[in-house]
Amino acid sequence: MAIHKGSEGVLKVGANTIAEVRSWSIDESAGTIETTVMADAARTYVASKTDFTASMEVFWDEEDTTGQGALTAGAEVTFNVYPEGDTTGDVYYTGTAIVTGISRSADGDSMVTHSISLQGSGGLTETTVA
């Protein structure tokens, strides 16, 4: 069994690495359609459309113009998540997503952070780095 540390991960917008990533998550879901008829003793369902959302927290880096800078509210991007790194043979997830929100915050004892939310548009694909 292979296990991986979060510190191995890499996030990219297209081919551009996003700088200063602190954390990330991807949530996939599938809808269901009820197929129960009156004679059934229990409810039955079939799978319907899939969906994904993603989020990340980054330390703000205004010099990262092609990574963080590409993640503006309303932008449609190709979002790539490499949980184990981005070398040949590593698995990663890719999909088109729309940036739906950016929350910026800081206090006197912390770094300036941005929390970025994305809504998938189309499917999320699992593939391998060539």
N, C-alpha and C. Protein backbone atom coordinates (compact mmCIF):
# COMPACT_ATOMS: atom_id res chain seq x y z
N MET A 1 0.85 -1.18 0.00
CA MET A 1 0.00 0.00 0.00
C MET A 1 0.89 1.24 0.00
N ALA A 2 0.63 2.14 -0.92
CA ALA A 2 1.36 3.40 -0.99
C ALA A 2 0.59 4.47 -0.22
N ILE A 3 1.30 5.23 0.56
CA ILE A 3 0.71 6.37 1.25
C ILE A 3 1.53 7.60 0.91
N HIS A 4 0.93 8.76 1.06
CA HIS A 4 1.60 9.99 0.66
C HIS A 4 1.35 11.08 1.69
N LYS A 5 2.34 11.94 1.86
CA LYS A 5 2.22 13.12 2.71
C LYS A 5 1.61 14.25 1.90
N GLY A 6 0.84 15.08 2.56
CA GLY A 6 0.26 16.23 1.89
C GLY A 6 1.30 17.15 1.27
N SER A 7 2.48 17.17 1.85
CA SER A 7 3.54 18.06 1.34
C SER A 7 4.05 17.64 -0.03
N GLU A 8 3.69 16.45 -0.50
CA GLU A 8 4.10 16.00 -1.83
C GLU A 8 3.26 16.63 -2.93
N GLY A 9 2.10 17.17 -2.58
CA GLY A 9 1.13 17.64 -3.56
C GLY A 9 1.55 18.89 -4.30
N VAL A 10 1.02 18.99 -5.52
CA VAL A 10 1.25 20.15 -6.39
C VAL A 10 -0.09 20.51 -7.01
N LEU A 11 -0.43 21.80 -7.02
CA LEU A 11 -1.64 22.29 -7.69
C LEU A 11 -1.22 23.19 -8.84
N LYS A 12 -1.94 23.06 -9.96
CA LYS A 12 -1.61 23.86 -11.13
C LYS A 12 -2.87 24.44 -11.77
N VAL A 13 -2.70 25.60 -12.38
CA VAL A 13 -3.69 26.17 -13.29
C VAL A 13 -3.10 25.94 -14.67
N GLY A 14 -3.72 25.06 -15.45
CA GLY A 14 -3.10 24.66 -16.71
C GLY A 14 -1.76 24.03 -16.41
N ALA A 15 -0.69 24.54 -17.00
CA ALA A 15 0.66 24.01 -16.77
C ALA A 15 1.42 24.79 -15.69
N ASN A 16 0.78 25.83 -15.11
CA ASN A 16 1.46 26.72 -14.17
C ASN A 16 1.20 26.32 -12.72
N THR A 17 2.26 26.07 -11.99
CA THR A 17 2.16 25.71 -10.57
C THR A 17 1.65 26.88 -9.75
N ILE A 18 0.74 26.62 -8.84
CA ILE A 18 0.22 27.63 -7.92
C ILE A 18 1.16 27.68 -6.72
N ALA A 19 1.67 28.88 -6.43
CA ALA A 19 2.65 29.05 -5.35
C ALA A 19 1.98 29.09 -3.98
N GLU A 20 2.73 28.69 -2.98
CA GLU A 20 2.39 28.87 -1.56
C GLU A 20 1.09 28.20 -1.13
N VAL A 21 0.79 27.01 -1.66
CA VAL A 21 -0.43 26.29 -1.28
C VAL A 21 -0.27 25.74 0.13
N ARG A 22 -1.25 26.01 0.97
CA ARG A 22 -1.26 25.50 2.35
C ARG A 22 -2.11 24.24 2.47
N SER A 23 -3.24 24.21 1.76
CA SER A 23 -4.13 23.04 1.82
C SER A 23 -5.05 23.08 0.60
N TRP A 24 -5.65 21.92 0.32
CA TRP A 24 -6.58 21.82 -0.80
C TRP A 24 -7.56 20.70 -0.53
N SER A 25 -8.68 20.73 -1.25
CA SER A 25 -9.64 19.62 -1.20
C SER A 25 -10.43 19.59 -2.50
N ILE A 26 -10.84 18.38 -2.86
CA ILE A 26 -11.74 18.17 -4.00
C ILE A 26 -12.87 17.29 -3.50
N ASP A 27 -14.10 17.69 -3.81
CA ASP A 27 -15.27 16.91 -3.44
C ASP A 27 -16.01 16.53 -4.71
N GLU A 28 -16.19 15.22 -4.92
CA GLU A 28 -16.96 14.71 -6.05
C GLU A 28 -18.28 14.17 -5.54
N SER A 29 -19.32 14.33 -6.33
CA SER A 29 -20.61 13.77 -5.94
C SER A 29 -21.34 13.30 -7.20
N ALA A 30 -22.32 12.45 -6.99
CA ALA A 30 -23.18 11.97 -8.07
C ALA A 30 -24.62 12.10 -7.61
N GLY A 31 -25.45 12.64 -8.48
CA GLY A 31 -26.87 12.70 -8.18
C GLY A 31 -27.51 11.33 -8.38
N THR A 32 -28.71 11.22 -7.90
CA THR A 32 -29.48 9.98 -8.09
C THR A 32 -30.87 10.33 -8.59
N ILE A 33 -31.46 9.39 -9.31
CA ILE A 33 -32.82 9.52 -9.80
C ILE A 33 -33.62 8.34 -9.26
N GLU A 34 -34.71 8.65 -8.60
CA GLU A 34 -35.52 7.57 -8.03
C GLU A 34 -36.26 6.82 -9.14
N THR A 35 -36.21 5.48 -9.04
CA THR A 35 -36.89 4.61 -10.02
C THR A 35 -37.95 3.72 -9.36
N THR A 36 -38.31 4.02 -8.14
CA THR A 36 -39.28 3.22 -7.39
C THR A 36 -40.66 3.26 -8.05
N VAL A 37 -41.28 2.11 -8.11
CA VAL A 37 -42.67 2.04 -8.58
C VAL A 37 -43.54 1.59 -7.42
N MET A 38 -44.83 1.72 -7.56
CA MET A 38 -45.74 1.46 -6.45
C MET A 38 -45.63 0.04 -5.90
N ALA A 39 -45.33 -0.95 -6.70
CA ALA A 39 -45.25 -2.33 -6.23
C ALA A 39 -43.96 -2.65 -5.49
N ASP A 40 -42.96 -1.76 -5.54
CA ASP A 40 -41.67 -2.02 -4.87
C ASP A 40 -41.80 -1.95 -3.36
N ALA A 41 -41.08 -2.83 -2.67
CA ALA A 41 -41.07 -2.82 -1.21
C ALA A 41 -40.06 -1.81 -0.66
N ALA A 42 -39.09 -1.44 -1.47
CA ALA A 42 -38.07 -0.48 -1.05
C ALA A 42 -37.79 0.49 -2.21
N ARG A 43 -37.32 1.64 -1.87
CA ARG A 43 -36.99 2.63 -2.91
C ARG A 43 -35.77 2.17 -3.70
N THR A 44 -35.76 2.46 -5.00
CA THR A 44 -34.63 2.15 -5.87
C THR A 44 -34.20 3.40 -6.61
N TYR A 45 -32.91 3.43 -6.98
CA TYR A 45 -32.34 4.61 -7.63
C TYR A 45 -31.35 4.19 -8.71
N VAL A 46 -31.07 5.11 -9.63
CA VAL A 46 -29.97 4.96 -10.58
C VAL A 46 -29.10 6.21 -10.44
N ALA A 47 -27.84 6.03 -10.80
CA ALA A 47 -26.92 7.16 -10.75
C ALA A 47 -27.27 8.18 -11.82
N SER A 48 -27.04 9.44 -11.50
CA SER A 48 -27.32 10.52 -12.44
C SER A 48 -26.02 11.28 -12.72
N LYS A 49 -26.11 12.56 -12.87
CA LYS A 49 -24.96 13.38 -13.24
C LYS A 49 -23.97 13.55 -12.08
N THR A 50 -22.70 13.66 -12.45
CA THR A 50 -21.66 13.87 -11.45
C THR A 50 -21.31 15.36 -11.38
N ASP A 51 -20.58 15.70 -10.33
CA ASP A 51 -20.26 17.09 -10.05
C ASP A 51 -18.99 17.11 -9.21
N PHE A 52 -18.22 18.22 -9.28
CA PHE A 52 -17.12 18.37 -8.35
C PHE A 52 -16.93 19.83 -7.97
N THR A 53 -16.46 20.02 -6.76
CA THR A 53 -16.04 21.33 -6.28
C THR A 53 -14.64 21.17 -5.72
N ALA A 54 -13.92 22.26 -5.66
CA ALA A 54 -12.57 22.23 -5.11
C ALA A 54 -12.34 23.51 -4.32
N SER A 55 -11.40 23.44 -3.41
CA SER A 55 -11.01 24.63 -2.67
C SER A 55 -9.55 24.51 -2.29
N MET A 56 -8.95 25.65 -2.02
CA MET A 56 -7.56 25.67 -1.58
C MET A 56 -7.33 26.89 -0.72
N GLU A 57 -6.33 26.79 0.12
CA GLU A 57 -5.88 27.94 0.88
C GLU A 57 -4.43 28.17 0.53
N VAL A 58 -4.08 29.42 0.24
CA VAL A 58 -2.72 29.77 -0.14
C VAL A 58 -2.25 30.96 0.69
N PHE A 59 -0.94 31.03 0.92
CA PHE A 59 -0.35 32.28 1.38
C PHE A 59 -0.30 33.20 0.17
N TRP A 60 -0.78 34.41 0.30
CA TRP A 60 -0.83 35.33 -0.83
C TRP A 60 0.56 35.62 -1.35
N ASP A 61 0.72 35.49 -2.67
CA ASP A 61 1.99 35.77 -3.35
C ASP A 61 1.67 36.57 -4.61
N GLU A 62 1.76 37.89 -4.51
CA GLU A 62 1.41 38.75 -5.64
C GLU A 62 2.33 38.57 -6.83
N GLU A 63 3.47 37.94 -6.65
CA GLU A 63 4.38 37.68 -7.77
C GLU A 63 4.02 36.42 -8.55
N ASP A 64 3.10 35.62 -8.02
CA ASP A 64 2.66 34.41 -8.71
C ASP A 64 1.55 34.77 -9.69
N THR A 65 1.90 35.43 -10.77
CA THR A 65 0.91 35.96 -11.71
C THR A 65 0.25 34.89 -12.57
N THR A 66 0.92 33.74 -12.79
CA THR A 66 0.34 32.70 -13.65
C THR A 66 -0.35 31.60 -12.85
N GLY A 67 -0.13 31.54 -11.55
CA GLY A 67 -0.78 30.56 -10.68
C GLY A 67 -1.91 31.25 -9.92
N GLN A 68 -1.57 31.85 -8.77
CA GLN A 68 -2.59 32.57 -7.99
C GLN A 68 -3.25 33.68 -8.81
N GLY A 69 -2.45 34.36 -9.64
CA GLY A 69 -2.99 35.47 -10.43
C GLY A 69 -4.04 35.05 -11.44
N ALA A 70 -4.02 33.80 -11.86
CA ALA A 70 -5.02 33.29 -12.82
C ALA A 70 -6.33 32.94 -12.13
N LEU A 71 -6.32 32.89 -10.80
CA LEU A 71 -7.51 32.47 -10.05
C LEU A 71 -8.28 33.70 -9.58
N THR A 72 -8.96 34.34 -10.52
CA THR A 72 -9.78 35.50 -10.21
C THR A 72 -11.25 35.09 -10.25
N ALA A 73 -12.07 35.77 -9.48
CA ALA A 73 -13.50 35.43 -9.42
C ALA A 73 -14.10 35.45 -10.82
N GLY A 74 -14.77 34.36 -11.17
CA GLY A 74 -15.40 34.23 -12.48
C GLY A 74 -14.53 33.60 -13.55
N ALA A 75 -13.24 33.45 -13.28
CA ALA A 75 -12.34 32.87 -14.28
C ALA A 75 -12.64 31.39 -14.48
N GLU A 76 -12.60 30.93 -15.73
CA GLU A 76 -12.70 29.51 -16.04
C GLU A 76 -11.29 29.00 -16.30
N VAL A 77 -10.88 27.98 -15.55
CA VAL A 77 -9.50 27.50 -15.61
C VAL A 77 -9.48 25.98 -15.75
N THR A 78 -8.36 25.47 -16.23
CA THR A 78 -8.09 24.04 -16.14
C THR A 78 -7.36 23.84 -14.83
N PHE A 79 -7.97 23.08 -13.93
CA PHE A 79 -7.47 22.90 -12.58
C PHE A 79 -6.89 21.50 -12.47
N ASN A 80 -5.64 21.40 -12.02
CA ASN A 80 -4.94 20.12 -11.92
C ASN A 80 -4.42 19.93 -10.50
N VAL A 81 -4.73 18.79 -9.91
CA VAL A 81 -4.28 18.46 -8.56
C VAL A 81 -3.44 17.19 -8.62
N TYR A 82 -2.20 17.31 -8.17
CA TYR A 82 -1.24 16.20 -8.16
C TYR A 82 -0.98 15.81 -6.70
N PRO A 83 -1.76 14.90 -6.12
CA PRO A 83 -1.61 14.58 -4.70
C PRO A 83 -0.24 14.01 -4.32
N GLU A 84 0.40 13.31 -5.26
CA GLU A 84 1.68 12.65 -4.94
C GLU A 84 2.85 13.29 -5.66
N GLY A 85 2.65 14.45 -6.28
CA GLY A 85 3.70 15.10 -7.05
C GLY A 85 3.38 15.04 -8.53
N ASP A 86 4.26 15.65 -9.33
CA ASP A 86 3.98 15.74 -10.77
C ASP A 86 5.09 15.16 -11.63
N THR A 87 5.62 14.02 -11.18
CA THR A 87 6.63 13.33 -11.98
C THR A 87 5.99 12.16 -12.73
N THR A 88 6.67 11.68 -13.74
CA THR A 88 6.15 10.61 -14.58
C THR A 88 5.63 9.45 -13.73
N GLY A 89 4.42 9.00 -14.04
CA GLY A 89 3.79 7.89 -13.34
C GLY A 89 2.89 8.29 -12.18
N ASP A 90 2.95 9.56 -11.75
CA ASP A 90 2.11 10.02 -10.65
C ASP A 90 0.67 10.24 -11.13
N VAL A 91 -0.28 9.90 -10.28
CA VAL A 91 -1.70 10.10 -10.56
C VAL A 91 -2.06 11.56 -10.29
N TYR A 92 -2.93 12.13 -11.13
CA TYR A 92 -3.45 13.46 -10.84
C TYR A 92 -4.89 13.57 -11.32
N TYR A 93 -5.56 14.63 -10.87
CA TYR A 93 -6.95 14.90 -11.20
C TYR A 93 -7.01 16.21 -11.97
N THR A 94 -7.81 16.23 -13.03
CA THR A 94 -7.90 17.42 -13.85
C THR A 94 -9.34 17.68 -14.27
N GLY A 95 -9.68 18.95 -14.39
CA GLY A 95 -11.01 19.32 -14.85
C GLY A 95 -11.09 20.82 -15.07
N THR A 96 -12.10 21.22 -15.80
CA THR A 96 -12.37 22.64 -16.00
C THR A 96 -13.20 23.12 -14.81
N ALA A 97 -12.83 24.28 -14.29
CA ALA A 97 -13.55 24.81 -13.13
C ALA A 97 -13.68 26.32 -13.24
N ILE A 98 -14.69 26.84 -12.57
CA ILE A 98 -14.92 28.28 -12.50
C ILE A 98 -14.62 28.72 -11.07
N VAL A 99 -13.83 29.77 -10.94
CA VAL A 99 -13.52 30.33 -9.62
C VAL A 99 -14.78 31.02 -9.12
N THR A 100 -15.37 30.50 -8.04
CA THR A 100 -16.63 31.03 -7.52
C THR A 100 -16.46 31.94 -6.33
N GLY A 101 -15.28 31.92 -5.71
CA GLY A 101 -15.09 32.79 -4.56
C GLY A 101 -13.65 32.87 -4.13
N ILE A 102 -13.29 34.03 -3.61
CA ILE A 102 -11.98 34.25 -3.03
C ILE A 102 -12.19 35.00 -1.72
N SER A 103 -11.70 34.44 -0.65
CA SER A 103 -11.78 35.07 0.66
C SER A 103 -10.36 35.40 1.10
N ARG A 104 -10.11 36.66 1.39
CA ARG A 104 -8.77 37.11 1.80
C ARG A 104 -8.82 37.45 3.28
N SER A 105 -7.78 37.01 4.01
CA SER A 105 -7.79 37.31 5.44
C SER A 105 -6.38 37.37 6.01
N ALA A 106 -6.28 38.03 7.15
CA ALA A 106 -5.03 38.12 7.90
C ALA A 106 -5.34 38.71 9.27
N ASP A 107 -4.43 38.50 10.18
CA ASP A 107 -4.48 39.21 11.45
C ASP A 107 -3.04 39.54 11.84
N GLY A 108 -2.85 40.16 12.97
CA GLY A 108 -1.54 40.64 13.36
C GLY A 108 -0.50 39.56 13.59
N ASP A 109 -0.94 38.32 13.80
CA ASP A 109 -0.02 37.22 14.09
C ASP A 109 -0.03 36.15 13.03
N SER A 110 -0.39 36.50 11.80
CA SER A 110 -0.44 35.46 10.76
C SER A 110 -0.08 36.04 9.40
N MET A 111 0.09 35.14 8.46
CA MET A 111 0.34 35.51 7.08
C MET A 111 -0.98 35.91 6.41
N VAL A 112 -0.90 36.66 5.33
CA VAL A 112 -2.08 36.96 4.52
C VAL A 112 -2.43 35.70 3.74
N THR A 113 -3.67 35.26 3.85
CA THR A 113 -4.10 34.04 3.15
C THR A 113 -5.26 34.36 2.21
N HIS A 114 -5.38 33.53 1.20
CA HIS A 114 -6.52 33.55 0.30
C HIS A 114 -7.14 32.15 0.33
N SER A 115 -8.43 32.07 0.52
CA SER A 115 -9.17 30.83 0.38
C SER A 115 -9.93 30.92 -0.93
N ILE A 116 -9.72 29.97 -1.81
CA ILE A 116 -10.26 30.03 -3.17
C ILE A 116 -11.20 28.84 -3.38
N SER A 117 -12.40 29.12 -3.88
CA SER A 117 -13.40 28.08 -4.15
C SER A 117 -13.62 27.96 -5.65
N LEU A 118 -13.77 26.71 -6.10
CA LEU A 118 -13.99 26.44 -7.52
C LEU A 118 -15.17 25.48 -7.70
N GLN A 119 -15.92 25.71 -8.76
CA GLN A 119 -17.02 24.82 -9.16
C GLN A 119 -16.64 24.15 -10.46
N GLY A 120 -16.64 22.82 -10.46
CA GLY A 120 -16.33 22.09 -11.68
C GLY A 120 -17.38 22.34 -12.75
N SER A 121 -16.92 22.38 -14.00
CA SER A 121 -17.80 22.50 -15.15
C SER A 121 -17.46 21.35 -16.08
N GLY A 122 -18.21 20.27 -16.00
CA GLY A 122 -17.86 19.04 -16.69
C GLY A 122 -17.30 18.06 -15.65
N GLY A 123 -16.74 16.99 -16.14
CA GLY A 123 -16.27 15.94 -15.25
C GLY A 123 -14.87 16.16 -14.73
N LEU A 124 -14.55 15.47 -13.66
CA LEU A 124 -13.20 15.43 -13.10
C LEU A 124 -12.58 14.12 -13.58
N THR A 125 -11.38 14.21 -14.14
CA THR A 125 -10.72 13.05 -14.72
C THR A 125 -9.50 12.68 -13.90
N GLU A 126 -9.35 11.38 -13.62
CA GLU A 126 -8.13 10.88 -12.99
C GLU A 126 -7.22 10.35 -14.09
N THR A 127 -5.99 10.79 -14.11
CA THR A 127 -5.05 10.38 -15.15
C THR A 127 -3.66 10.25 -14.55
N THR A 128 -2.68 9.92 -15.36
CA THR A 128 -1.31 9.70 -14.90
C THR A 128 -0.37 10.61 -15.68
N VAL A 129 0.59 11.18 -14.96
CA VAL A 129 1.58 12.05 -15.59
C VAL A 129 2.40 11.21 -16.57
N ALA A 130 2.51 11.69 -17.80
CA ALA A 130 3.24 10.97 -18.85
C ALA A 130 4.73 11.29 -18.76
